Amino acid sequence: MTDCLFCKIVVKEIPAEIVYETDRTLAFRDINPQAPMHVLVIPKAHHADAAALAQADDGLADDVLKSAHAVATQEGVAEGGYRVVFNTGPGAGQTVFHVHAHVLGGRALSWPPG
C-alpha cells in the first residue's frame, strides 16, 4: 500500500529505530512509548488488522508472535514478563491500519489496562 505509514517504514521511506528484523517481520520502537520498553512488531506484508492477519493463514501470525518474543528476549524483559497487544479496529484504539503487535515491558503492567 502506497499510503500506509508502516509499509513505508518497511521499505525504508520513513525512518524508524529498527530493533529486530526477519524475512517476514520488522520490529521498531514506538514513537510514543507506554512502557520503558515499547516496540511494535509488524509483518512486512500489509494486513489491515489482527483479523486479516489471522485470515492470511500462512504462518505469518506465528512469525509475528515469534518475533515479539525474540524482541522481549533481546530487550531483556522476557524473563520478568512482558505484554503483547493487538488493537483491532478504531473502537480498540487502532490508529494505523497495518496490523502491529505492541510489545511492552520493563515495569509492572497492571490489568486491566484501560
PDB file of N, CA and C in Angstrom:
ATOM      1  N   MET A   1       0.846  -1.182   0.000  1.00  0.00           N
ATOM      2  CA  MET A   1       0.000   0.000   0.000  1.00  0.00           C
ATOM      3  C   MET A   1       0.886   1.237   0.000  1.00  0.00           C
ATOM      4  N   THR A   2       0.641   2.124  -0.909  1.00  0.00           N
ATOM      5  CA  THR A   2       1.500   3.292  -1.052  1.00  0.00           C
ATOM      6  C   THR A   2       1.264   4.360   0.007  1.00  0.00           C
ATOM      7  N   ASP A   3       0.101   4.381   0.654  1.00  0.00           N
ATOM      8  CA  ASP A   3      -0.173   5.416   1.642  1.00  0.00           C
ATOM      9  C   ASP A   3      -0.087   4.909   3.083  1.00  0.00           C
ATOM     10  N   CYS A   4       0.354   3.683   3.277  1.00  0.00           N
ATOM     11  CA  CYS A   4       0.430   3.094   4.613  1.00  0.00           C
ATOM     12  C   CYS A   4       1.752   3.473   5.286  1.00  0.00           C
ATOM     13  N   LEU A   5       1.667   4.090   6.451  1.00  0.00           N
ATOM     14  CA  LEU A   5       2.839   4.512   7.209  1.00  0.00           C
ATOM     15  C   LEU A   5       3.792   3.346   7.457  1.00  0.00           C
ATOM     16  N   PHE A   6       3.263   2.212   7.918  1.00  0.00           N
ATOM     17  CA  PHE A   6       4.144   1.095   8.256  1.00  0.00           C
ATOM     18  C   PHE A   6       4.730   0.437   7.009  1.00  0.00           C
ATOM     19  N   CYS A   7       3.992   0.421   5.904  1.00  0.00           N
ATOM     20  CA  CYS A   7       4.561  -0.088   4.649  1.00  0.00           C
ATOM     21  C   CYS A   7       5.745   0.780   4.225  1.00  0.00           C
ATOM     22  N   LYS A   8       5.639   2.090   4.470  1.00  0.00           N
ATOM     23  CA  LYS A   8       6.743   2.994   4.141  1.00  0.00           C
ATOM     24  C   LYS A   8       7.945   2.759   5.044  1.00  0.00           C
ATOM     25  N   ILE A   9       7.703   2.375   6.283  1.00  0.00           N
ATOM     26  CA  ILE A   9       8.806   2.023   7.185  1.00  0.00           C
ATOM     27  C   ILE A   9       9.476   0.740   6.697  1.00  0.00           C
ATOM     28  N   VAL A  10       8.684  -0.225   6.249  1.00  0.00           N
ATOM     29  CA  VAL A  10       9.237  -1.494   5.745  1.00  0.00           C
ATOM     30  C   VAL A  10      10.208  -1.248   4.599  1.00  0.00           C
ATOM     31  N   VAL A  11       9.838  -0.358   3.673  1.00  0.00           N
ATOM     32  CA  VAL A  11      10.697  -0.102   2.502  1.00  0.00           C
ATOM     33  C   VAL A  11      11.696   1.028   2.754  1.00  0.00           C
ATOM     34  N   LYS A  12      11.784   1.462   4.018  1.00  0.00           N
ATOM     35  CA  LYS A  12      12.765   2.459   4.463  1.00  0.00           C
ATOM     36  C   LYS A  12      12.548   3.843   3.855  1.00  0.00           C
ATOM     37  N   GLU A  13      11.314   4.159   3.476  1.00  0.00           N
ATOM     38  CA  GLU A  13      10.983   5.516   3.018  1.00  0.00           C
ATOM     39  C   GLU A  13      10.812   6.455   4.197  1.00  0.00           C
ATOM     40  N   ILE A  14      10.447   5.895   5.339  1.00  0.00           N
ATOM     41  CA  ILE A  14      10.282   6.661   6.578  1.00  0.00           C
ATOM     42  C   ILE A  14      11.208   6.024   7.605  1.00  0.00           C
ATOM     43  N   PRO A  15      12.005   6.837   8.313  1.00  0.00           N
ATOM     44  CA  PRO A  15      12.936   6.260   9.287  1.00  0.00           C
ATOM     45  C   PRO A  15      12.224   5.733  10.529  1.00  0.00           C
ATOM     46  N   ALA A  16      12.815   4.720  11.102  1.00  0.00           N
ATOM     47  CA  ALA A  16      12.344   4.161  12.368  1.00  0.00           C
ATOM     48  C   ALA A  16      13.548   3.530  13.049  1.00  0.00           C
ATOM     49  N   GLU A  17      13.481   3.432  14.367  1.00  0.00           N
ATOM     50  CA  GLU A  17      14.554   2.772  15.114  1.00  0.00           C
ATOM     51  C   GLU A  17      14.281   1.271  15.127  1.00  0.00           C
ATOM     52  N   ILE A  18      14.809   0.601  14.132  1.00  0.00           N
ATOM     53  CA  ILE A  18      14.573  -0.835  13.966  1.00  0.00           C
ATOM     54  C   ILE A  18      15.434  -1.596  14.972  1.00  0.00           C
ATOM     55  N   VAL A  19      14.785  -2.530  15.684  1.00  0.00           N
ATOM     56  CA  VAL A  19      15.497  -3.304  16.697  1.00  0.00           C
ATOM     57  C   VAL A  19      15.585  -4.783  16.353  1.00  0.00           C
ATOM     58  N   TYR A  20      14.768  -5.245  15.394  1.00  0.00           N
ATOM     59  CA  TYR A  20      14.764  -6.666  15.041  1.00  0.00           C
ATOM     60  C   TYR A  20      14.125  -6.807  13.666  1.00  0.00           C
ATOM     61  N   GLU A  21      14.639  -7.753  12.876  1.00  0.00           N
ATOM     62  CA  GLU A  21      14.087  -7.952  11.540  1.00  0.00           C
ATOM     63  C   GLU A  21      14.290  -9.393  11.106  1.00  0.00           C
ATOM     64  N   THR A  22      13.273  -9.945  10.441  1.00  0.00           N
ATOM     65  CA  THR A  22      13.369 -11.249   9.804  1.00  0.00           C
ATOM     66  C   THR A  22      12.946 -11.070   8.348  1.00  0.00           C
ATOM     67  N   ASP A  23      12.898 -12.146   7.610  1.00  0.00           N
ATOM     68  CA  ASP A  23      12.435 -12.070   6.225  1.00  0.00           C
ATOM     69  C   ASP A  23      11.005 -11.552   6.132  1.00  0.00           C
ATOM     70  N   ARG A  24      10.180 -11.856   7.156  1.00  0.00           N
ATOM     71  CA  ARG A  24       8.750 -11.525   7.071  1.00  0.00           C
ATOM     72  C   ARG A  24       8.262 -10.533   8.105  1.00  0.00           C
ATOM     73  N   THR A  25       9.100 -10.148   9.069  1.00  0.00           N
ATOM     74  CA  THR A  25       8.663  -9.213  10.115  1.00  0.00           C
ATOM     75  C   THR A  25       9.688  -8.114  10.330  1.00  0.00           C
ATOM     76  N   LEU A  26       9.216  -7.023  10.940  1.00  0.00           N
ATOM     77  CA  LEU A  26      10.065  -5.887  11.278  1.00  0.00           C
ATOM     78  C   LEU A  26       9.618  -5.375  12.639  1.00  0.00           C
ATOM     79  N   ALA A  27      10.579  -5.052  13.498  1.00  0.00           N
ATOM     80  CA  ALA A  27      10.262  -4.526  14.829  1.00  0.00           C
ATOM     81  C   ALA A  27      11.000  -3.206  15.031  1.00  0.00           C
ATOM     82  N   PHE A  28      10.264  -2.217  15.536  1.00  0.00           N
ATOM     83  CA  PHE A  28      10.847  -0.897  15.749  1.00  0.00           C
ATOM     84  C   PHE A  28      10.231  -0.251  16.971  1.00  0.00           C
ATOM     85  N   ARG A  29      10.960   0.678  17.564  1.00  0.00           N
ATOM     86  CA  ARG A  29      10.492   1.350  18.785  1.00  0.00           C
ATOM     87  C   ARG A  29       9.281   2.235  18.489  1.00  0.00           C
ATOM     88  N   ASP A  30       8.329   2.202  19.404  1.00  0.00           N
ATOM     89  CA  ASP A  30       7.147   3.057  19.301  1.00  0.00           C
ATOM     90  C   ASP A  30       7.569   4.502  19.556  1.00  0.00           C
ATOM     91  N   ILE A  31       7.048   5.433  18.765  1.00  0.00           N
ATOM     92  CA  ILE A  31       7.429   6.844  18.946  1.00  0.00           C
ATOM     93  C   ILE A  31       6.731   7.489  20.140  1.00  0.00           C
ATOM     94  N   ASN A  32       5.729   6.804  20.704  1.00  0.00           N
ATOM     95  CA  ASN A  32       5.026   7.292  21.886  1.00  0.00           C
ATOM     96  C   ASN A  32       4.969   6.156  22.909  1.00  0.00           C
ATOM     97  N   PRO A  33       6.117   5.800  23.504  1.00  0.00           N
ATOM     98  CA  PRO A  33       6.159   4.602  24.356  1.00  0.00           C
ATOM     99  C   PRO A  33       5.266   4.707  25.586  1.00  0.00           C
ATOM    100  N   GLN A  34       4.613   3.576  25.893  1.00  0.00           N
ATOM    101  CA  GLN A  34       3.733   3.489  27.050  1.00  0.00           C
ATOM    102  C   GLN A  34       4.354   2.667  28.172  1.00  0.00           C
ATOM    103  N   ALA A  35       5.590   2.226  27.970  1.00  0.00           N
ATOM    104  CA  ALA A  35       6.349   1.475  28.971  1.00  0.00           C
ATOM    105  C   ALA A  35       7.826   1.715  28.656  1.00  0.00           C
ATOM    106  N   PRO A  36       8.719   1.395  29.599  1.00  0.00           N
ATOM    107  CA  PRO A  36      10.142   1.595  29.323  1.00  0.00           C
ATOM    108  C   PRO A  36      10.611   0.887  28.048  1.00  0.00           C
ATOM    109  N   MET A  37      10.047  -0.272  27.753  1.00  0.00           N
ATOM    110  CA  MET A  37      10.338  -0.973  26.505  1.00  0.00           C
ATOM    111  C   MET A  37       9.006  -1.101  25.765  1.00  0.00           C
ATOM    112  N   HIS A  38       8.901  -0.431  24.627  1.00  0.00           N
ATOM    113  CA  HIS A  38       7.671  -0.467  23.822  1.00  0.00           C
ATOM    114  C   HIS A  38       8.090  -0.540  22.362  1.00  0.00           C
ATOM    115  N   VAL A  39       7.940  -1.723  21.803  1.00  0.00           N
ATOM    116  CA  VAL A  39       8.350  -1.988  20.430  1.00  0.00           C
ATOM    117  C   VAL A  39       7.136  -2.478  19.652  1.00  0.00           C
ATOM    118  N   LEU A  40       7.019  -2.061  18.402  1.00  0.00           N
ATOM    119  CA  LEU A  40       5.977  -2.555  17.514  1.00  0.00           C
ATOM    120  C   LEU A  40       6.567  -3.624  16.614  1.00  0.00           C
ATOM    121  N   VAL A  41       5.863  -4.736  16.482  1.00  0.00           N
ATOM    122  CA  VAL A  41       6.266  -5.808  15.574  1.00  0.00           C
ATOM    123  C   VAL A  41       5.206  -5.901  14.493  1.00  0.00           C
ATOM    124  N   ILE A  42       5.646  -5.805  13.236  1.00  0.00           N
ATOM    125  CA  ILE A  42       4.705  -5.838  12.115  1.00  0.00           C
ATOM    126  C   ILE A  42       5.125  -6.903  11.108  1.00  0.00           C
ATOM    127  N   PRO A  43       4.138  -7.444  10.384  1.00  0.00           N
ATOM    128  CA  PRO A  43       4.527  -8.237   9.219  1.00  0.00           C
ATOM    129  C   PRO A  43       4.934  -7.272   8.115  1.00  0.00           C
ATOM    130  N   LYS A  44       5.882  -7.665   7.291  1.00  0.00           N
ATOM    131  CA  LYS A  44       6.276  -6.802   6.179  1.00  0.00           C
ATOM    132  C   LYS A  44       5.158  -6.729   5.136  1.00  0.00           C
ATOM    133  N   ALA A  45       4.408  -7.798   4.997  1.00  0.00           N
ATOM    134  CA  ALA A  45       3.256  -7.795   4.091  1.00  0.00           C
ATOM    135  C   ALA A  45       2.114  -7.038   4.755  1.00  0.00           C
ATOM    136  N   HIS A  46       1.389  -6.265   3.981  1.00  0.00           N
ATOM    137  CA  HIS A  46       0.307  -5.457   4.530  1.00  0.00           C
ATOM    138  C   HIS A  46      -0.935  -6.311   4.816  1.00  0.00           C
ATOM    139  N   HIS A  47      -1.387  -6.242   6.065  1.00  0.00           N
ATOM    140  CA  HIS A  47      -2.670  -6.785   6.509  1.00  0.00           C
ATOM    141  C   HIS A  47      -3.233  -5.727   7.439  1.00  0.00           C
ATOM    142  N   ALA A  48      -4.481  -5.372   7.271  1.00  0.00           N
ATOM    143  CA  ALA A  48      -5.046  -4.219   7.983  1.00  0.00           C
ATOM    144  C   ALA A  48      -5.086  -4.379   9.496  1.00  0.00           C
ATOM    145  N   ASP A  49      -5.406  -5.572   9.981  1.00  0.00           N
ATOM    146  CA  ASP A  49      -5.575  -5.751  11.421  1.00  0.00           C
ATOM    147  C   ASP A  49      -5.359  -7.215  11.787  1.00  0.00           C
ATOM    148  N   ALA A  50      -5.514  -7.540  13.077  1.00  0.00           N
ATOM    149  CA  ALA A  50      -5.270  -8.897  13.547  1.00  0.00           C
ATOM    150  C   ALA A  50      -6.217  -9.900  12.898  1.00  0.00           C
ATOM    151  N   ALA A  51      -7.437  -9.493  12.623  1.00  0.00           N
ATOM    152  CA  ALA A  51      -8.390 -10.394  11.960  1.00  0.00           C
ATOM    153  C   ALA A  51      -7.900 -10.750  10.556  1.00  0.00           C
ATOM    154  N   ALA A  52      -7.410  -9.759   9.828  1.00  0.00           N
ATOM    155  CA  ALA A  52      -6.882 -10.011   8.482  1.00  0.00           C
ATOM    156  C   ALA A  52      -5.624 -10.867   8.549  1.00  0.00           C
ATOM    157  N   LEU A  53      -4.789 -10.645   9.550  1.00  0.00           N
ATOM    158  CA  LEU A  53      -3.598 -11.465   9.720  1.00  0.00           C
ATOM    159  C   LEU A  53      -3.980 -12.915   9.984  1.00  0.00           C
ATOM    160  N   ALA A  54      -4.979 -13.125  10.822  1.00  0.00           N
ATOM    161  CA  ALA A  54      -5.435 -14.488  11.107  1.00  0.00           C
ATOM    162  C   ALA A  54      -5.982 -15.164   9.856  1.00  0.00           C
ATOM    163  N   GLN A  55      -6.669 -14.406   9.004  1.00  0.00           N
ATOM    164  CA  GLN A  55      -7.225 -14.957   7.770  1.00  0.00           C
ATOM    165  C   GLN A  55      -6.147 -15.301   6.749  1.00  0.00           C
ATOM    166  N   ALA A  56      -4.962 -14.677   6.854  1.00  0.00           N
ATOM    167  CA  ALA A  56      -3.881 -14.948   5.904  1.00  0.00           C
ATOM    168  C   ALA A  56      -3.491 -16.426   5.959  1.00  0.00           C
ATOM    169  N   ASP A  57      -3.567 -17.037   7.130  1.00  0.00           N
ATOM    170  CA  ASP A  57      -3.407 -18.476   7.322  1.00  0.00           C
ATOM    171  C   ASP A  57      -2.177 -19.049   6.618  1.00  0.00           C
ATOM    172  N   ASP A  58      -1.075 -18.350   6.691  1.00  0.00           N
ATOM    173  CA  ASP A  58       0.147 -18.847   6.064  1.00  0.00           C
ATOM    174  C   ASP A  58       1.321 -18.880   7.045  1.00  0.00           C
ATOM    175  N   GLY A  59       1.007 -18.882   8.335  1.00  0.00           N
ATOM    176  CA  GLY A  59       2.048 -18.907   9.354  1.00  0.00           C
ATOM    177  C   GLY A  59       2.587 -17.538   9.724  1.00  0.00           C
ATOM    178  N   LEU A  60       2.055 -16.494   9.105  1.00  0.00           N
ATOM    179  CA  LEU A  60       2.564 -15.150   9.364  1.00  0.00           C
ATOM    180  C   LEU A  60       2.249 -14.694  10.787  1.00  0.00           C
ATOM    181  N   ALA A  61       1.073 -15.015  11.292  1.00  0.00           N
ATOM    182  CA  ALA A  61       0.733 -14.640  12.673  1.00  0.00           C
ATOM    183  C   ALA A  61       1.724 -15.286  13.643  1.00  0.00           C
ATOM    184  N   ASP A  62       2.079 -16.524  13.381  1.00  0.00           N
ATOM    185  CA  ASP A  62       3.078 -17.223  14.186  1.00  0.00           C
ATOM    186  C   ASP A  62       4.420 -16.500  14.122  1.00  0.00           C
ATOM    187  N   ASP A  63       4.810 -16.059  12.934  1.00  0.00           N
ATOM    188  CA  ASP A  63       6.071 -15.334  12.774  1.00  0.00           C
ATOM    189  C   ASP A  63       6.066 -14.029  13.560  1.00  0.00           C
ATOM    190  N   VAL A  64       4.934 -13.331  13.575  1.00  0.00           N
ATOM    191  CA  VAL A  64       4.834 -12.074  14.331  1.00  0.00           C
ATOM    192  C   VAL A  64       5.002 -12.358  15.826  1.00  0.00           C
ATOM    193  N   LEU A  65       4.342 -13.407  16.327  1.00  0.00           N
ATOM    194  CA  LEU A  65       4.469 -13.740  17.751  1.00  0.00           C
ATOM    195  C   LEU A  65       5.877 -14.203  18.104  1.00  0.00           C
ATOM    196  N   LYS A  66       6.502 -14.981  17.226  1.00  0.00           N
ATOM    197  CA  LYS A  66       7.887 -15.392  17.469  1.00  0.00           C
ATOM    198  C   LYS A  66       8.807 -14.181  17.501  1.00  0.00           C
ATOM    199  N   SER A  67       8.573 -13.228  16.623  1.00  0.00           N
ATOM    200  CA  SER A  67       9.381 -12.008  16.611  1.00  0.00           C
ATOM    201  C   SER A  67       9.138 -11.188  17.872  1.00  0.00           C
ATOM    202  N   ALA A  68       7.892 -11.147  18.349  1.00  0.00           N
ATOM    203  CA  ALA A  68       7.585 -10.424  19.592  1.00  0.00           C
ATOM    204  C   ALA A  68       8.373 -11.020  20.749  1.00  0.00           C
ATOM    205  N   HIS A  69       8.412 -12.333  20.824  1.00  0.00           N
ATOM    206  CA  HIS A  69       9.174 -12.973  21.898  1.00  0.00           C
ATOM    207  C   HIS A  69      10.673 -12.726  21.729  1.00  0.00           C
ATOM    208  N   ALA A  70      11.167 -12.775  20.497  1.00  0.00           N
ATOM    209  CA  ALA A  70      12.587 -12.507  20.248  1.00  0.00           C
ATOM    210  C   ALA A  70      12.953 -11.090  20.688  1.00  0.00           C
ATOM    211  N   VAL A  71      12.068 -10.133  20.426  1.00  0.00           N
ATOM    212  CA  VAL A  71      12.297  -8.749  20.858  1.00  0.00           C
ATOM    213  C   VAL A  71      12.342  -8.678  22.379  1.00  0.00           C
ATOM    214  N   ALA A  72      11.378  -9.319  23.042  1.00  0.00           N
ATOM    215  CA  ALA A  72      11.346  -9.300  24.513  1.00  0.00           C
ATOM    216  C   ALA A  72      12.620  -9.905  25.092  1.00  0.00           C
ATOM    217  N   THR A  73      13.099 -10.970  24.482  1.00  0.00           N
ATOM    218  CA  THR A  73      14.339 -11.599  24.934  1.00  0.00           C
ATOM    219  C   THR A  73      15.516 -10.667  24.699  1.00  0.00           C
ATOM    220  N   GLN A  74      15.608 -10.129  23.497  1.00  0.00           N
ATOM    221  CA  GLN A  74      16.705  -9.221  23.137  1.00  0.00           C
ATOM    222  C   GLN A  74      16.733  -7.987  24.033  1.00  0.00           C
ATOM    223  N   GLU A  75      15.547  -7.482  24.387  1.00  0.00           N
ATOM    224  CA  GLU A  75      15.441  -6.263  25.198  1.00  0.00           C
ATOM    225  C   GLU A  75      15.556  -6.549  26.700  1.00  0.00           C
ATOM    226  N   GLY A  76      15.679  -7.820  27.080  1.00  0.00           N
ATOM    227  CA  GLY A  76      15.896  -8.178  28.477  1.00  0.00           C
ATOM    228  C   GLY A  76      14.663  -8.195  29.352  1.00  0.00           C
ATOM    229  N   VAL A  77      13.475  -8.285  28.771  1.00  0.00           N
ATOM    230  CA  VAL A  77      12.252  -8.282  29.584  1.00  0.00           C
ATOM    231  C   VAL A  77      11.526  -9.626  29.567  1.00  0.00           C
ATOM    232  N   ALA A  78      11.985 -10.581  28.786  1.00  0.00           N
ATOM    233  CA  ALA A  78      11.262 -11.857  28.646  1.00  0.00           C
ATOM    234  C   ALA A  78      11.156 -12.600  29.968  1.00  0.00           C
ATOM    235  N   GLU A  79      12.225 -12.628  30.723  1.00  0.00           N
ATOM    236  CA  GLU A  79      12.215 -13.392  31.967  1.00  0.00           C
ATOM    237  C   GLU A  79      11.296 -12.775  33.020  1.00  0.00           C
ATOM    238  N   GLY A  80      11.287 -11.452  33.108  1.00  0.00           N
ATOM    239  CA  GLY A  80      10.456 -10.774  34.105  1.00  0.00           C
ATOM    240  C   GLY A  80       9.006 -10.635  33.699  1.00  0.00           C
ATOM    241  N   GLY A  81       8.725 -10.737  32.405  1.00  0.00           N
ATOM    242  CA  GLY A  81       7.362 -10.641  31.902  1.00  0.00           C
ATOM    243  C   GLY A  81       7.178  -9.463  30.970  1.00  0.00           C
ATOM    244  N   TYR A  82       6.335  -9.675  29.998  1.00  0.00           N
ATOM    245  CA  TYR A  82       6.038  -8.645  29.006  1.00  0.00           C
ATOM    246  C   TYR A  82       4.628  -8.862  28.481  1.00  0.00           C
ATOM    247  N   ARG A  83       4.115  -7.851  27.813  1.00  0.00           N
ATOM    248  CA  ARG A  83       2.763  -7.898  27.270  1.00  0.00           C
ATOM    249  C   ARG A  83       2.832  -7.733  25.762  1.00  0.00           C
ATOM    250  N   VAL A  84       1.973  -8.488  25.053  1.00  0.00           N
ATOM    251  CA  VAL A  84       1.810  -8.350  23.604  1.00  0.00           C
ATOM    252  C   VAL A  84       0.360  -7.968  23.370  1.00  0.00           C
ATOM    253  N   VAL A  85       0.134  -6.833  22.683  1.00  0.00           N
ATOM    254  CA  VAL A  85      -1.219  -6.317  22.472  1.00  0.00           C
ATOM    255  C   VAL A  85      -1.438  -6.043  20.989  1.00  0.00           C
ATOM    256  N   PHE A  86      -2.565  -6.528  20.463  1.00  0.00           N
ATOM    257  CA  PHE A  86      -3.020  -6.178  19.119  1.00  0.00           C
ATOM    258  C   PHE A  86      -4.304  -5.373  19.279  1.00  0.00           C
ATOM    259  N   ASN A  87      -4.323  -4.121  18.840  1.00  0.00           N
ATOM    260  CA  ASN A  87      -5.556  -3.337  18.792  1.00  0.00           C
ATOM    261  C   ASN A  87      -6.167  -3.571  17.417  1.00  0.00           C
ATOM    262  N   THR A  88      -7.421  -3.993  17.396  1.00  0.00           N
ATOM    263  CA  THR A  88      -8.072  -4.310  16.123  1.00  0.00           C
ATOM    264  C   THR A  88      -9.318  -3.451  15.963  1.00  0.00           C
ATOM    265  N   GLY A  89      -9.230  -2.472  15.081  1.00  0.00           N
ATOM    266  CA  GLY A  89     -10.347  -1.573  14.810  1.00  0.00           C
ATOM    267  C   GLY A  89     -10.272  -0.299  15.615  1.00  0.00           C
ATOM    268  N   PRO A  90     -10.940   0.738  15.123  1.00  0.00           N
ATOM    269  CA  PRO A  90     -10.879   2.045  15.788  1.00  0.00           C
ATOM    270  C   PRO A  90     -11.434   2.024  17.205  1.00  0.00           C
ATOM    271  N   GLY A  91     -12.440   1.191  17.483  1.00  0.00           N
ATOM    272  CA  GLY A  91     -13.007   1.120  18.820  1.00  0.00           C
ATOM    273  C   GLY A  91     -12.034   0.559  19.847  1.00  0.00           C
ATOM    274  N   ALA A  92     -11.010  -0.146  19.382  1.00  0.00           N
ATOM    275  CA  ALA A  92      -9.988  -0.709  20.270  1.00  0.00           C
ATOM    276  C   ALA A  92      -8.742   0.169  20.313  1.00  0.00           C
ATOM    277  N   GLY A  93      -8.772   1.290  19.608  1.00  0.00           N
ATOM    278  CA  GLY A  93      -7.647   2.210  19.627  1.00  0.00           C
ATOM    279  C   GLY A  93      -6.666   2.048  18.487  1.00  0.00           C
ATOM    280  N   GLN A  94      -6.999   1.225  17.480  1.00  0.00           N
ATOM    281  CA  GLN A  94      -6.088   1.097  16.344  1.00  0.00           C
ATOM    282  C   GLN A  94      -6.128   2.373  15.525  1.00  0.00           C
ATOM    283  N   THR A  95      -4.949   2.964  15.289  1.00  0.00           N
ATOM    284  CA  THR A  95      -4.870   4.211  14.520  1.00  0.00           C
ATOM    285  C   THR A  95      -4.092   4.040  13.220  1.00  0.00           C
ATOM    286  N   VAL A  96      -3.228   3.035  13.145  1.00  0.00           N
ATOM    287  CA  VAL A  96      -2.520   2.707  11.902  1.00  0.00           C
ATOM    288  C   VAL A  96      -3.050   1.351  11.451  1.00  0.00           C
ATOM    289  N   PHE A  97      -3.626   1.321  10.265  1.00  0.00           N
ATOM    290  CA  PHE A  97      -4.302   0.104   9.810  1.00  0.00           C
ATOM    291  C   PHE A  97      -3.382  -0.784   8.981  1.00  0.00           C
ATOM    292  N   HIS A  98      -2.288  -1.141   9.640  1.00  0.00           N
ATOM    293  CA  HIS A  98      -1.351  -2.192   9.235  1.00  0.00           C
ATOM    294  C   HIS A  98      -1.134  -2.931  10.543  1.00  0.00           C
ATOM    295  N   VAL A  99      -1.534  -4.188  10.601  1.00  0.00           N
ATOM    296  CA  VAL A  99      -1.507  -4.920  11.866  1.00  0.00           C
ATOM    297  C   VAL A  99      -0.146  -4.771  12.546  1.00  0.00           C
ATOM    298  N   HIS A 100      -0.184  -4.567  13.851  1.00  0.00           N
ATOM    299  CA  HIS A 100       1.041  -4.443  14.627  1.00  0.00           C
ATOM    300  C   HIS A 100       0.815  -4.925  16.051  1.00  0.00           C
ATOM    301  N   ALA A 101       1.818  -5.627  16.543  1.00  0.00           N
ATOM    302  CA  ALA A 101       1.805  -6.086  17.927  1.00  0.00           C
ATOM    303  C   ALA A 101       2.626  -5.105  18.748  1.00  0.00           C
ATOM    304  N   HIS A 102       2.028  -4.610  19.816  1.00  0.00           N
ATOM    305  CA  HIS A 102       2.758  -3.788  20.776  1.00  0.00           C
ATOM    306  C   HIS A 102       3.419  -4.755  21.757  1.00  0.00           C
ATOM    307  N   VAL A 103       4.720  -4.667  21.913  1.00  0.00           N
ATOM    308  CA  VAL A 103       5.436  -5.467  22.895  1.00  0.00           C
ATOM    309  C   VAL A 103       5.899  -4.500  23.970  1.00  0.00           C
ATOM    310  N   LEU A 104       5.373  -4.695  25.190  1.00  0.00           N
ATOM    311  CA  LEU A 104       5.629  -3.760  26.289  1.00  0.00           C
ATOM    312  C   LEU A 104       6.247  -4.485  27.470  1.00  0.00           C
ATOM    313  N   GLY A 105       7.201  -3.839  28.116  1.00  0.00           N
ATOM    314  CA  GLY A 105       7.817  -4.420  29.298  1.00  0.00           C
ATOM    315  C   GLY A 105       8.725  -3.419  29.972  1.00  0.00           C
ATOM    316  N   GLY A 106       9.419  -3.904  30.983  1.00  0.00           N
ATOM    317  CA  GLY A 106      10.362  -3.053  31.693  1.00  0.00           C
ATOM    318  C   GLY A 106       9.811  -2.429  32.960  1.00  0.00           C
ATOM    319  N   ARG A 107       8.556  -2.711  33.257  1.00  0.00           N
ATOM    320  CA  ARG A 107       7.935  -2.265  34.516  1.00  0.00           C
ATOM    321  C   ARG A 107       6.737  -3.171  34.766  1.00  0.00           C
ATOM    322  N   ALA A 108       6.187  -3.123  35.973  1.00  0.00           N
ATOM    323  CA  ALA A 108       4.984  -3.891  36.273  1.00  0.00           C
ATOM    324  C   ALA A 108       3.838  -3.356  35.416  1.00  0.00           C
ATOM    325  N   LEU A 109       3.115  -4.252  34.785  1.00  0.00           N
ATOM    326  CA  LEU A 109       1.997  -3.863  33.928  1.00  0.00           C
ATOM    327  C   LEU A 109       0.708  -4.331  34.589  1.00  0.00           C
ATOM    328  N   SER A 110      -0.138  -3.392  34.981  1.00  0.00           N
ATOM    329  CA  SER A 110      -1.367  -3.738  35.691  1.00  0.00           C
ATOM    330  C   SER A 110      -2.446  -4.199  34.711  1.00  0.00           C
ATOM    331  N   TRP A 111      -3.458  -4.854  35.259  1.00  0.00           N
ATOM    332  CA  TRP A 111      -4.598  -5.316  34.461  1.00  0.00           C
ATOM    333  C   TRP A 111      -5.857  -4.945  35.209  1.00  0.00           C
ATOM    334  N   PRO A 112      -6.898  -4.501  34.593  1.00  0.00           N
ATOM    335  CA  PRO A 112      -6.999  -4.259  33.159  1.00  0.00           C
ATOM    336  C   PRO A 112      -6.268  -2.987  32.758  1.00  0.00           C
ATOM    337  N   PRO A 113      -5.842  -2.941  31.490  1.00  0.00           N
ATOM    338  CA  PRO A 113      -5.053  -1.799  31.042  1.00  0.00           C
ATOM    339  C   PRO A 113      -5.850  -0.534  30.788  1.00  0.00           C
ATOM    340  N   GLY A 114      -7.150  -0.631  30.567  1.00  0.00           N
ATOM    341  CA  GLY A 114      -7.886   0.596  30.303  1.00  0.00           C
ATOM    342  C   GLY A 114      -9.242   0.384  29.749  1.00  0.00           C
TER     343      GLY A 114
END
